[in-house]
Amino acid sequence: MRSRPLELAGVAALGAAQTWAYDHGAWWPLPLLTLALLVWRLDAARPARAAVLAWAYGVGWLCAGVWWLYLSMHDYGSIPAPLAALAVFALAAFLSLYLAAAGAAYARWRRGGAMDALLFAALWLLAELARGVIFTGFPWIASGYSQIDSPLALLAPWVGVYGIGALLAGAAVTLRRLDGRAAAVVVAIVGAAALAPRDFTRGTGTISVALLQTDVKQDEKFETEHLPDELAWTGRALTDARADLVVGPETVVPLLPDQLEDFAPGYWAAIRRHFAAPGRAALIGIPLGSDAAGYTNSVLGLSAGPTYRYDKAHLVPFGEFVPTGFHWFTRAMNIPLGDFNRGIANPPSFAFDGQRVAPNICYEDLFGEELARRFVDAARAPTMFANLSNLAWFGNTSVIPQVLNISRMRTLEFERPMLRATNTGATAVIDHRGHVTALLPPYTRGVLAGRVEGRTGTTPYAWWCSRAGLWPLLAAALAVVAAAGLRNRRAGGARP
């Protein structure tokens, strides 16, 4: 059955409207309401029509949530506006196929009653896991992030962002049906999380930090005429900072070490000498490598001890590695160093002053299951995270509050603070409870000073995810779906 255009447009608008909550956490009820309205339409639909409706919701959701990709392609990649807009739509349309499959399965297997809430939660979880993992994964604005300031956030150290998203989906069915029994289950789960111990971790001491925000325009970052000013400001900011740990953004030094020595002799040596003194440390984003060995998007840690190195492991398609057959796209985007080597999956932390600082670069903090690998050995687990990013590709847009809330979710899952040092924002200090304790205005040049308490100990999420990844969530969702399918088969496939 062909869905009416106005109905499709309305469902897509629902998906688009709920993205407000990803930028403004106080609007967390909005996704619950829009999902409940989607379920209302799915409850009246046959599987084929339900697939189209769920797909439309996903397209509206993703187009409104990641529209800023258009800027990177058009404003900085010189791709014509119609093609750039089409590319964003095509990405949203493709990724929404997972939701389409979930919608069709729900329409096929729903039978009324409290079990439908569990079924929809499981199918929603499968769709979000597929989007977050397949083809290197793109879990941006996964539904759980919309609940960063809601009571559901209490579940973060137990089930992580995907578990929160599943509970949100189940709650939407409960709201749509006004099912008292299902609502009682949701309230009981959240209540149990509220009554459980809030601190799975304990403090390991406090250090002072200085986080650099360079505010370099993307179209100027690698231009020779702008490099002297960029390097001069960065050098002064690094060496003038009066903090135990100084953190500079991703590629804050935009040249390879050999290029840097040719361009500014003695620059890097002076920075290394400064941080060789006891009681000083820095994490600095810089590209490393050569034509022969390949290149890495890296972080160097400087202190009185040996130089520390972290290489980015989860690379951005088209930005940092080129999928087979797509080199033409990278050339069109004018992206320098478009093919990077991957770092190791479970790197050591940067040890300094009793702390173990775990760097991650750009959207690596979007993948909590990958950061969880660092918690297998409690004695080596990080006491804090540091995210080094450059989001100048995407302008002063909703991407900045979105990434801030993504980092806040990581702090709740692991009960570890996060230091964010970025080119254009959001440069921030986030404590282990997800509170932003210091923040620089975006698109300003400056140094953010703050204090941060490291934490040790393991949350339930860090424990099971470090050992099994996302498999427990996948297994639980598949078990629910299998049970629903079996129930439907025993009932002869009929439903009310």
Protein backbone atom coordinates (compact mmCIF):
# COMPACT_ATOMS: atom_id res chain seq x y z
CA MET A 1 0.00 0.00 0.00
CA ARG A 2 1.35 3.37 -1.02
CA SER A 3 1.63 5.87 1.85
CA ARG A 4 -0.01 9.23 1.28
CA PRO A 5 2.51 12.04 0.65
CA LEU A 6 1.11 14.25 3.39
CA GLU A 7 1.35 11.43 5.92
CA LEU A 8 4.95 10.75 4.92
CA ALA A 9 5.79 14.43 5.18
CA GLY A 10 4.21 14.58 8.63
CA VAL A 11 6.14 11.57 9.88
CA ALA A 12 9.39 12.99 8.45
CA ALA A 13 8.62 16.25 10.26
CA LEU A 14 8.24 14.31 13.51
CA GLY A 15 11.68 12.82 13.00
CA ALA A 16 13.14 16.23 12.25
CA ALA A 17 11.44 17.93 15.20
CA GLN A 18 12.85 15.58 17.83
CA THR A 19 16.45 16.50 16.89
CA TRP A 20 16.02 19.68 18.96
CA ALA A 21 16.63 17.53 22.03
CA TYR A 22 20.13 16.57 20.83
CA ASP A 23 21.16 20.21 20.95
CA HIS A 24 19.14 21.21 24.01
CA GLY A 25 18.94 18.49 26.66
CA ALA A 26 16.02 20.13 28.47
CA TRP A 27 13.82 19.10 25.53
CA TRP A 28 14.28 15.40 26.27
CA PRO A 29 10.50 14.66 26.32
CA LEU A 30 10.25 15.61 22.64
CA PRO A 31 11.72 12.36 21.22
CA LEU A 32 9.44 10.36 23.50
CA LEU A 33 6.42 12.21 22.16
CA THR A 34 7.42 11.99 18.48
CA LEU A 35 8.23 8.28 18.83
CA ALA A 36 4.83 7.69 20.44
CA LEU A 37 3.19 9.41 17.46
CA LEU A 38 5.22 7.26 15.09
CA VAL A 39 4.06 4.13 16.93
CA TRP A 40 0.47 5.40 16.62
CA ARG A 41 0.89 5.38 12.84
CA LEU A 42 2.70 2.03 12.82
CA ASP A 43 -0.10 0.45 14.86
CA ALA A 44 -2.50 1.21 12.01
CA ALA A 45 -0.19 0.03 9.23
CA ARG A 46 0.57 -3.17 7.42
CA PRO A 47 4.27 -4.18 7.23
CA ALA A 48 5.04 -2.55 3.86
CA ARG A 49 3.44 0.73 4.83
CA ALA A 50 5.04 0.62 8.29
CA ALA A 51 8.45 0.24 6.64
CA VAL A 52 7.90 3.39 4.58
CA LEU A 53 6.66 5.35 7.60
CA ALA A 54 9.62 4.33 9.78
CA TRP A 55 11.97 5.12 6.90
CA ALA A 56 10.46 8.61 6.53
CA TYR A 57 10.87 9.23 10.27
CA GLY A 58 14.53 8.24 10.00
CA VAL A 59 15.15 10.43 6.96
CA GLY A 60 13.69 13.47 8.72
CA TRP A 61 15.68 12.65 11.86
CA LEU A 62 19.03 12.30 10.12
CA CYS A 63 18.62 15.10 7.59
CA ALA A 64 17.78 17.54 10.38
CA GLY A 65 20.44 16.11 12.68
CA VAL A 66 23.44 15.97 10.34
CA TRP A 67 22.60 18.63 7.77
CA TRP A 68 25.92 20.31 8.63
CA LEU A 69 27.68 17.68 6.51
CA TYR A 70 26.49 19.82 3.62
CA LEU A 71 28.84 22.61 4.74
CA SER A 72 31.91 20.37 4.67
CA MET A 73 31.11 19.24 1.15
CA HIS A 74 29.90 22.51 -0.34
CA ASP A 75 31.68 25.30 1.54
CA TYR A 76 35.04 23.54 1.95
CA GLY A 77 34.92 20.69 -0.57
CA SER A 78 33.68 22.81 -3.50
CA ILE A 79 30.97 20.29 -4.36
CA PRO A 80 28.00 22.00 -6.06
CA ALA A 81 25.17 22.77 -3.67
CA PRO A 82 22.60 20.41 -5.27
CA LEU A 83 25.03 17.49 -5.17
CA ALA A 84 26.05 18.22 -1.58
CA ALA A 85 22.40 18.37 -0.49
CA LEU A 86 21.69 15.17 -2.41
CA ALA A 87 24.61 13.44 -0.68
CA VAL A 88 23.22 14.30 2.77
CA PHE A 89 19.79 13.04 1.74
CA ALA A 90 21.26 9.85 0.27
CA LEU A 91 23.16 9.15 3.50
CA ALA A 92 20.01 9.68 5.57
CA ALA A 93 17.92 7.58 3.18
CA PHE A 94 20.37 4.68 3.27
CA LEU A 95 20.86 4.66 7.04
CA SER A 96 17.10 4.85 7.56
CA LEU A 97 16.65 1.48 5.87
CA TYR A 98 17.47 -0.12 9.21
CA LEU A 99 14.52 1.68 10.78
CA ALA A 100 12.36 0.66 7.83
CA ALA A 101 13.13 -2.99 8.55
CA ALA A 102 12.34 -2.45 12.23
CA GLY A 103 9.02 -0.80 11.38
CA ALA A 104 7.99 -3.64 9.07
CA ALA A 105 8.90 -6.29 11.66
CA TYR A 106 6.97 -4.45 14.36
CA ALA A 107 3.87 -4.21 12.19
CA ARG A 108 4.13 -7.90 11.36
CA TRP A 109 4.67 -9.25 14.90
CA ARG A 110 2.83 -6.83 17.20
CA ARG A 111 -0.18 -8.38 18.88
CA GLY A 112 -1.22 -5.78 21.45
CA GLY A 113 -0.41 -5.74 25.15
CA ALA A 114 2.73 -5.05 27.12
CA MET A 115 4.83 -7.38 24.95
CA ASP A 116 4.64 -4.88 22.09
CA ALA A 117 6.68 -2.37 24.07
CA LEU A 118 9.43 -4.95 24.53
CA LEU A 119 9.27 -5.93 20.86
CA PHE A 120 9.53 -2.34 19.63
CA ALA A 121 12.41 -1.65 22.03
CA ALA A 122 14.29 -4.70 20.72
CA LEU A 123 13.71 -3.85 17.06
CA TRP A 124 14.70 -0.23 17.67
CA LEU A 125 17.86 -1.44 19.39
CA LEU A 126 18.73 -3.69 16.45
CA ALA A 127 18.26 -0.81 14.01
CA GLU A 128 20.49 1.50 16.06
CA LEU A 129 23.16 -1.16 16.49
CA ALA A 130 23.17 -1.76 12.74
CA ARG A 131 23.58 1.95 12.03
CA GLY A 132 26.30 2.23 14.67
CA VAL A 133 28.40 -0.73 13.54
CA ILE A 134 27.91 -1.69 9.87
CA PHE A 135 30.24 -0.03 7.32
CA THR A 136 32.44 1.32 10.17
CA GLY A 137 29.33 2.75 11.85
CA PHE A 138 27.64 6.14 11.94
CA PRO A 139 25.83 6.31 15.30
CA TRP A 140 25.58 10.10 15.31
CA ILE A 141 22.55 11.33 17.29
CA ALA A 142 21.61 7.81 18.36
CA SER A 143 18.36 8.16 20.26
CA GLY A 144 19.93 7.72 23.70
CA TYR A 145 21.85 10.99 23.35
CA SER A 146 18.57 12.89 23.41
CA GLN A 147 18.11 11.72 27.01
CA ILE A 148 21.37 13.09 28.43
CA ASP A 149 19.41 15.32 30.85
CA SER A 150 16.45 13.01 31.43
CA PRO A 151 15.87 10.43 34.20
CA LEU A 152 16.88 7.73 31.69
CA ALA A 153 20.46 9.04 31.89
CA LEU A 154 20.70 7.28 35.26
CA LEU A 155 20.97 4.06 33.26
CA ALA A 156 24.10 5.14 31.37
CA PRO A 157 26.61 3.40 33.69
CA TRP A 158 24.53 0.21 33.39
CA VAL A 159 23.47 -0.14 29.75
CA GLY A 160 25.10 2.72 27.83
CA VAL A 161 23.60 4.94 25.18
CA TYR A 162 22.08 2.09 23.12
CA GLY A 163 20.34 0.63 26.16
CA ILE A 164 18.89 4.04 26.95
CA GLY A 165 17.64 4.33 23.37
CA ALA A 166 15.93 0.94 23.62
CA LEU A 167 14.18 1.91 26.85
CA LEU A 168 13.10 5.19 25.23
CA ALA A 169 11.52 3.23 22.37
CA GLY A 170 9.72 0.92 24.79
CA ALA A 171 8.48 3.91 26.76
CA ALA A 172 7.10 5.43 23.55
CA VAL A 173 4.88 2.38 22.99
CA THR A 174 3.80 2.59 26.62
CA LEU A 175 2.86 6.24 26.17
CA ARG A 176 1.00 5.54 22.94
CA ARG A 177 -1.01 2.68 24.47
CA LEU A 178 -1.32 4.20 27.96
CA ASP A 179 -0.40 0.74 29.18
CA GLY A 180 -0.22 0.82 32.98
CA ARG A 181 1.72 -2.44 33.34
CA ALA A 182 4.39 -1.47 30.83
CA ALA A 183 4.64 2.00 32.36
CA ALA A 184 5.18 0.42 35.77
CA VAL A 185 8.09 -1.59 34.35
CA VAL A 186 9.72 1.52 32.91
CA VAL A 187 9.27 3.43 36.15
CA ALA A 188 10.65 0.49 38.13
CA ILE A 189 13.78 0.30 35.94
CA VAL A 190 14.50 4.01 36.24
CA GLY A 191 13.68 3.95 39.95
CA ALA A 192 16.08 1.07 40.55
CA ALA A 193 18.82 2.98 38.77
CA ALA A 194 18.07 6.05 40.89
CA LEU A 195 18.27 4.06 44.12
CA ALA A 196 21.40 2.13 43.12
CA PRO A 197 24.86 3.44 44.12
CA ARG A 198 25.66 6.48 42.00
CA ASP A 199 29.42 6.23 42.33
CA PHE A 200 31.05 3.12 40.94
CA THR A 201 34.33 5.03 40.94
CA ARG A 202 36.42 7.02 43.39
CA GLY A 203 38.72 10.01 43.04
CA THR A 204 42.43 9.69 42.26
CA GLY A 205 43.45 13.29 42.83
CA THR A 206 42.97 16.58 41.02
CA ILE A 207 45.11 18.27 38.38
CA SER A 208 44.92 21.67 36.71
CA VAL A 209 44.40 21.73 32.95
CA ALA A 210 44.62 24.24 30.12
CA LEU A 211 42.72 23.45 26.91
CA LEU A 212 43.55 25.31 23.70
CA GLN A 213 40.91 26.52 21.24
CA THR A 214 42.70 27.87 18.20
CA ASP A 215 39.74 29.10 16.09
CA VAL A 216 41.43 28.54 12.73
CA LYS A 217 39.13 28.54 9.70
CA GLN A 218 39.22 25.25 7.83
CA ASP A 219 40.04 26.87 4.50
CA GLU A 220 43.03 28.59 6.15
CA LYS A 221 44.34 25.74 8.30
CA PHE A 222 46.82 24.35 5.77
CA GLU A 223 47.52 27.55 3.84
CA THR A 224 51.17 28.65 4.01
CA GLU A 225 50.40 32.34 4.48
CA HIS A 226 48.39 31.64 7.65
CA LEU A 227 50.76 29.12 9.25
CA PRO A 228 53.14 31.63 10.92
CA ASP A 229 50.31 33.20 12.94
CA GLU A 230 48.79 29.79 13.78
CA LEU A 231 52.09 28.32 14.94
CA ALA A 232 53.11 31.42 16.88
CA TRP A 233 49.85 31.55 18.83
CA THR A 234 49.93 27.81 19.51
CA GLY A 235 53.54 27.93 20.70
CA ARG A 236 52.82 30.81 23.09
CA ALA A 237 49.65 29.20 24.39
CA LEU A 238 51.40 25.90 25.07
CA THR A 239 54.37 27.36 26.88
CA ASP A 240 52.58 30.20 28.70
CA ALA A 241 49.89 27.99 30.21
CA ARG A 242 50.23 27.57 33.97
CA ALA A 243 48.66 24.15 34.34
CA ASP A 244 49.75 20.62 35.12
CA LEU A 245 48.43 19.38 31.77
CA VAL A 246 48.01 21.37 28.55
CA VAL A 247 45.95 19.91 25.71
CA GLY A 248 45.91 21.20 22.13
CA PRO A 249 43.29 20.20 19.53
CA GLU A 250 43.48 17.74 16.67
CA THR A 251 46.29 18.74 14.27
CA VAL A 252 46.89 21.92 16.28
CA VAL A 253 50.34 21.58 14.70
CA PRO A 254 49.21 21.01 11.10
CA LEU A 255 52.61 20.03 9.67
CA LEU A 256 54.58 16.82 9.77
CA PRO A 257 57.65 17.11 12.02
CA ASP A 258 60.03 17.28 9.04
CA GLN A 259 57.91 19.95 7.38
CA LEU A 260 57.72 21.85 10.64
CA GLU A 261 61.48 21.92 11.01
CA ASP A 262 61.85 23.29 7.48
CA PHE A 263 59.13 25.87 8.02
CA ALA A 264 59.96 26.97 11.59
CA PRO A 265 63.39 25.69 12.67
CA GLY A 266 63.67 24.98 16.38
CA TYR A 267 59.91 25.35 17.00
CA TRP A 268 59.22 21.78 18.04
CA ALA A 269 62.49 21.46 19.97
CA ALA A 270 61.56 24.48 22.09
CA ILE A 271 58.17 23.00 22.95
CA ARG A 272 59.74 19.67 23.89
CA ARG A 273 62.29 21.38 26.14
CA HIS A 274 59.56 23.30 27.93
CA PHE A 275 57.59 20.18 28.80
CA ALA A 276 60.68 18.18 29.73
CA ALA A 277 60.70 20.03 33.04
CA PRO A 278 59.16 18.09 35.97
CA GLY A 279 55.52 18.85 36.71
CA ARG A 280 54.61 19.83 33.14
CA ALA A 281 52.84 17.77 30.50
CA ALA A 282 51.07 18.30 27.19
CA LEU A 283 48.98 16.38 24.69
CA ILE A 284 49.35 17.85 21.20
CA GLY A 285 47.54 16.88 18.00
CA ILE A 286 49.89 16.44 15.03
CA PRO A 287 50.04 14.35 11.84
CA LEU A 288 52.90 11.85 11.71
CA GLY A 289 54.45 9.55 9.12
CA SER A 290 55.91 9.56 5.65
CA ASP A 291 55.08 8.53 2.10
CA ALA A 292 56.89 5.25 2.64
CA ALA A 293 55.43 4.34 6.05
CA GLY A 294 52.04 5.98 5.65
CA TYR A 295 50.49 8.70 7.78
CA THR A 296 48.62 8.79 11.07
CA ASN A 297 46.35 11.31 12.75
CA SER A 298 48.16 11.39 16.07
CA VAL A 299 48.60 12.82 19.53
CA LEU A 300 52.01 13.24 21.12
CA GLY A 301 52.32 13.35 24.88
CA LEU A 302 55.24 15.41 26.22
CA SER A 303 56.52 15.28 29.78
CA ALA A 304 59.71 14.59 31.71
CA GLY A 305 59.34 10.91 30.70
CA PRO A 306 59.49 9.25 27.28
CA THR A 307 57.41 10.78 24.50
CA TYR A 308 53.94 9.24 24.35
CA ARG A 309 52.17 8.57 21.05
CA TYR A 310 48.54 7.84 20.26
CA ASP A 311 47.36 7.13 16.70
CA LYS A 312 43.71 7.45 15.80
CA ALA A 313 42.15 4.01 15.31
CA HIS A 314 38.58 4.69 14.14
CA LEU A 315 39.05 6.67 10.96
CA VAL A 316 36.47 8.81 9.19
CA PRO A 317 35.44 7.46 5.78
CA PHE A 318 36.47 9.85 2.99
CA GLY A 319 38.16 12.16 5.48
CA GLU A 320 40.88 9.86 6.78
CA PHE A 321 40.62 6.76 4.66
CA VAL A 322 39.22 6.26 1.21
CA PRO A 323 36.93 3.28 0.57
CA THR A 324 37.83 1.31 -2.53
CA GLY A 325 36.56 3.01 -5.65
CA PHE A 326 36.02 6.43 -4.04
CA HIS A 327 39.37 8.18 -4.45
CA TRP A 328 37.73 10.54 -6.94
CA PHE A 329 35.52 11.85 -4.10
CA THR A 330 38.50 12.66 -1.87
CA ARG A 331 40.20 14.51 -4.70
CA ALA A 332 37.01 16.52 -5.24
CA MET A 333 36.91 17.38 -1.52
CA ASN A 334 40.51 18.66 -1.54
CA ILE A 335 41.20 16.83 1.74
CA PRO A 336 44.94 16.73 2.55
CA LEU A 337 46.32 13.37 3.70
CA GLY A 338 43.11 11.55 2.80
CA ASP A 339 44.48 8.04 3.56
CA PHE A 340 45.71 7.42 7.12
CA ASN A 341 46.96 4.30 8.83
CA ARG A 342 44.93 3.01 11.78
CA GLY A 343 46.27 2.96 15.31
CA ILE A 344 45.98 -0.02 17.63
CA ALA A 345 42.58 -0.85 19.10
CA ASN A 346 43.54 -0.81 22.79
CA PRO A 347 46.34 1.72 23.27
CA PRO A 348 47.97 2.61 26.59
CA SER A 349 47.08 5.85 28.34
CA PHE A 350 49.35 8.84 28.87
CA ALA A 351 50.61 8.50 32.43
CA PHE A 352 51.29 11.74 34.29
CA ASP A 353 51.11 12.92 37.91
CA GLY A 354 49.21 9.87 39.12
CA GLN A 355 46.70 10.07 36.27
CA ARG A 356 46.19 7.95 33.17
CA VAL A 357 44.82 10.16 30.39
CA ALA A 358 43.27 8.32 27.44
CA PRO A 359 43.23 10.43 24.26
CA ASN A 360 40.72 10.00 21.50
CA ILE A 361 40.48 12.05 18.33
CA CYS A 362 37.43 13.72 16.85
CA TYR A 363 34.42 11.42 16.57
CA GLU A 364 36.17 8.47 18.22
CA ASP A 365 34.34 9.38 21.42
CA LEU A 366 31.15 8.50 19.55
CA PHE A 367 32.05 4.82 19.93
CA GLY A 368 31.74 4.02 23.62
CA GLU A 369 32.16 0.30 22.96
CA GLU A 370 35.63 1.01 21.57
CA LEU A 371 36.66 3.22 24.47
CA ALA A 372 35.45 0.42 26.75
CA ARG A 373 38.30 -1.82 25.58
CA ARG A 374 40.63 0.24 27.73
CA PHE A 375 38.90 -1.02 30.89
CA VAL A 376 39.69 -4.72 30.61
CA ASP A 377 42.66 -4.30 32.96
CA ALA A 378 41.57 -2.14 35.88
CA ALA A 379 45.17 -1.35 36.77
CA ARG A 380 45.73 0.22 33.32
CA ALA A 381 42.29 1.74 32.84
CA PRO A 382 42.22 5.50 32.19
CA THR A 383 41.38 7.88 35.00
CA MET A 384 40.17 10.49 32.50
CA PHE A 385 39.58 10.95 28.78
CA ALA A 386 40.86 13.71 26.48
CA ASN A 387 39.14 14.37 23.17
CA LEU A 388 41.09 16.38 20.59
CA SER A 389 38.89 17.59 17.73
CA ASN A 390 38.67 19.90 14.74
CA LEU A 391 35.06 20.62 13.76
CA ALA A 392 35.77 23.68 11.64
CA TRP A 393 34.59 21.66 8.64
CA PHE A 394 31.01 22.05 9.86
CA GLY A 395 30.74 25.69 10.84
CA ASN A 396 29.09 27.20 13.90
CA THR A 397 26.18 24.78 13.78
CA SER A 398 24.33 22.22 15.88
CA VAL A 399 27.31 19.89 15.57
CA ILE A 400 28.95 21.71 18.50
CA PRO A 401 26.27 21.06 21.17
CA GLN A 402 25.79 17.58 19.73
CA VAL A 403 29.41 16.58 20.27
CA LEU A 404 29.37 18.11 23.73
CA ASN A 405 26.43 15.90 24.69
CA ILE A 406 28.10 12.87 23.12
CA SER A 407 31.10 13.45 25.39
CA ARG A 408 28.79 13.94 28.36
CA MET A 409 27.26 10.52 27.68
CA ARG A 410 30.74 8.94 27.70
CA THR A 411 31.45 10.47 31.11
CA LEU A 412 28.23 8.95 32.48
CA GLU A 413 28.89 5.52 30.99
CA PHE A 414 32.39 5.23 32.43
CA GLU A 415 32.22 7.75 35.29
CA ARG A 416 35.35 9.37 33.94
CA PRO A 417 35.86 13.09 33.25
CA MET A 418 36.40 14.26 29.69
CA LEU A 419 38.70 17.06 28.56
CA ARG A 420 37.69 18.49 25.19
CA ALA A 421 40.27 20.59 23.31
CA THR A 422 38.96 21.70 19.92
CA ASN A 423 39.72 24.10 17.12
CA THR A 424 36.36 25.86 17.11
CA GLY A 425 34.32 24.28 19.96
CA ALA A 426 33.06 22.78 22.09
CA THR A 427 36.18 23.16 24.26
CA ALA A 428 35.11 22.04 27.72
CA VAL A 429 35.85 20.25 30.98
CA ILE A 430 33.20 17.66 31.85
CA ASP A 431 33.23 15.89 35.21
CA HIS A 432 32.44 12.23 35.83
CA ARG A 433 28.75 13.01 36.39
CA GLY A 434 28.34 14.62 32.97
CA HIS A 435 28.36 18.20 34.27
CA VAL A 436 30.15 20.81 32.16
CA THR A 437 32.35 22.59 34.70
CA ALA A 438 34.15 24.91 32.27
CA LEU A 439 33.38 25.91 28.68
CA LEU A 440 34.79 28.32 26.08
CA PRO A 441 32.39 30.08 23.71
CA PRO A 442 32.65 28.48 20.26
CA TYR A 443 34.52 30.24 17.49
CA THR A 444 36.75 32.21 19.80
CA ARG A 445 40.50 31.89 20.27
CA GLY A 446 41.52 31.24 23.84
CA VAL A 447 42.73 28.89 26.55
CA LEU A 448 40.29 27.27 28.95
CA ALA A 449 41.63 26.79 32.46
CA GLY A 450 40.08 24.29 34.83
CA ARG A 451 40.59 21.59 37.38
CA VAL A 452 39.62 17.97 36.92
CA GLU A 453 39.45 15.01 39.28
CA GLY A 454 40.59 11.67 37.90
CA ARG A 455 38.57 8.57 38.77
CA THR A 456 39.34 4.90 39.24
CA GLY A 457 36.94 1.96 39.41
CA THR A 458 34.64 0.28 36.91
CA THR A 459 30.99 0.88 36.05
CA PRO A 460 28.81 -2.11 35.10
CA TYR A 461 28.75 -0.86 31.50
CA ALA A 462 32.55 -0.57 31.37
CA TRP A 463 32.84 -4.09 32.84
CA TRP A 464 30.60 -5.96 30.42
CA CYS A 465 31.29 -3.84 27.35
CA SER A 466 35.07 -4.12 27.77
CA ARG A 467 34.76 -7.90 27.72
CA ALA A 468 31.93 -8.55 25.30
CA GLY A 469 31.45 -5.35 23.30
CA LEU A 470 27.89 -4.80 22.12
CA TRP A 471 27.14 -8.52 21.81
CA PRO A 472 25.05 -8.72 25.02
CA LEU A 473 22.70 -6.03 23.72
CA LEU A 474 22.49 -7.73 20.33
CA ALA A 475 21.78 -11.10 21.91
CA ALA A 476 19.06 -9.68 24.16
CA ALA A 477 17.36 -7.91 21.24
CA LEU A 478 17.49 -11.01 19.04
CA ALA A 479 16.06 -13.14 21.84
CA VAL A 480 13.07 -10.81 22.20
CA VAL A 481 12.48 -10.70 18.44
CA ALA A 482 12.75 -14.50 18.20
CA ALA A 483 10.23 -14.88 21.02
CA ALA A 484 7.85 -12.49 19.28
CA GLY A 485 8.20 -14.36 16.01
CA LEU A 486 7.54 -17.68 17.72
CA ARG A 487 4.50 -16.25 19.48
CA ASN A 488 3.19 -14.95 16.17
CA ARG A 489 3.76 -18.33 14.51
CA ARG A 490 1.92 -20.21 17.25
CA ALA A 491 -0.98 -17.80 16.86
CA GLY A 492 -1.12 -18.59 13.16
CA GLY A 493 0.22 -15.21 12.10
CA ALA A 494 -3.02 -13.46 12.92
CA ARG A 495 -3.03 -10.22 14.88
CA PRO A 496 -5.76 -7.84 16.00
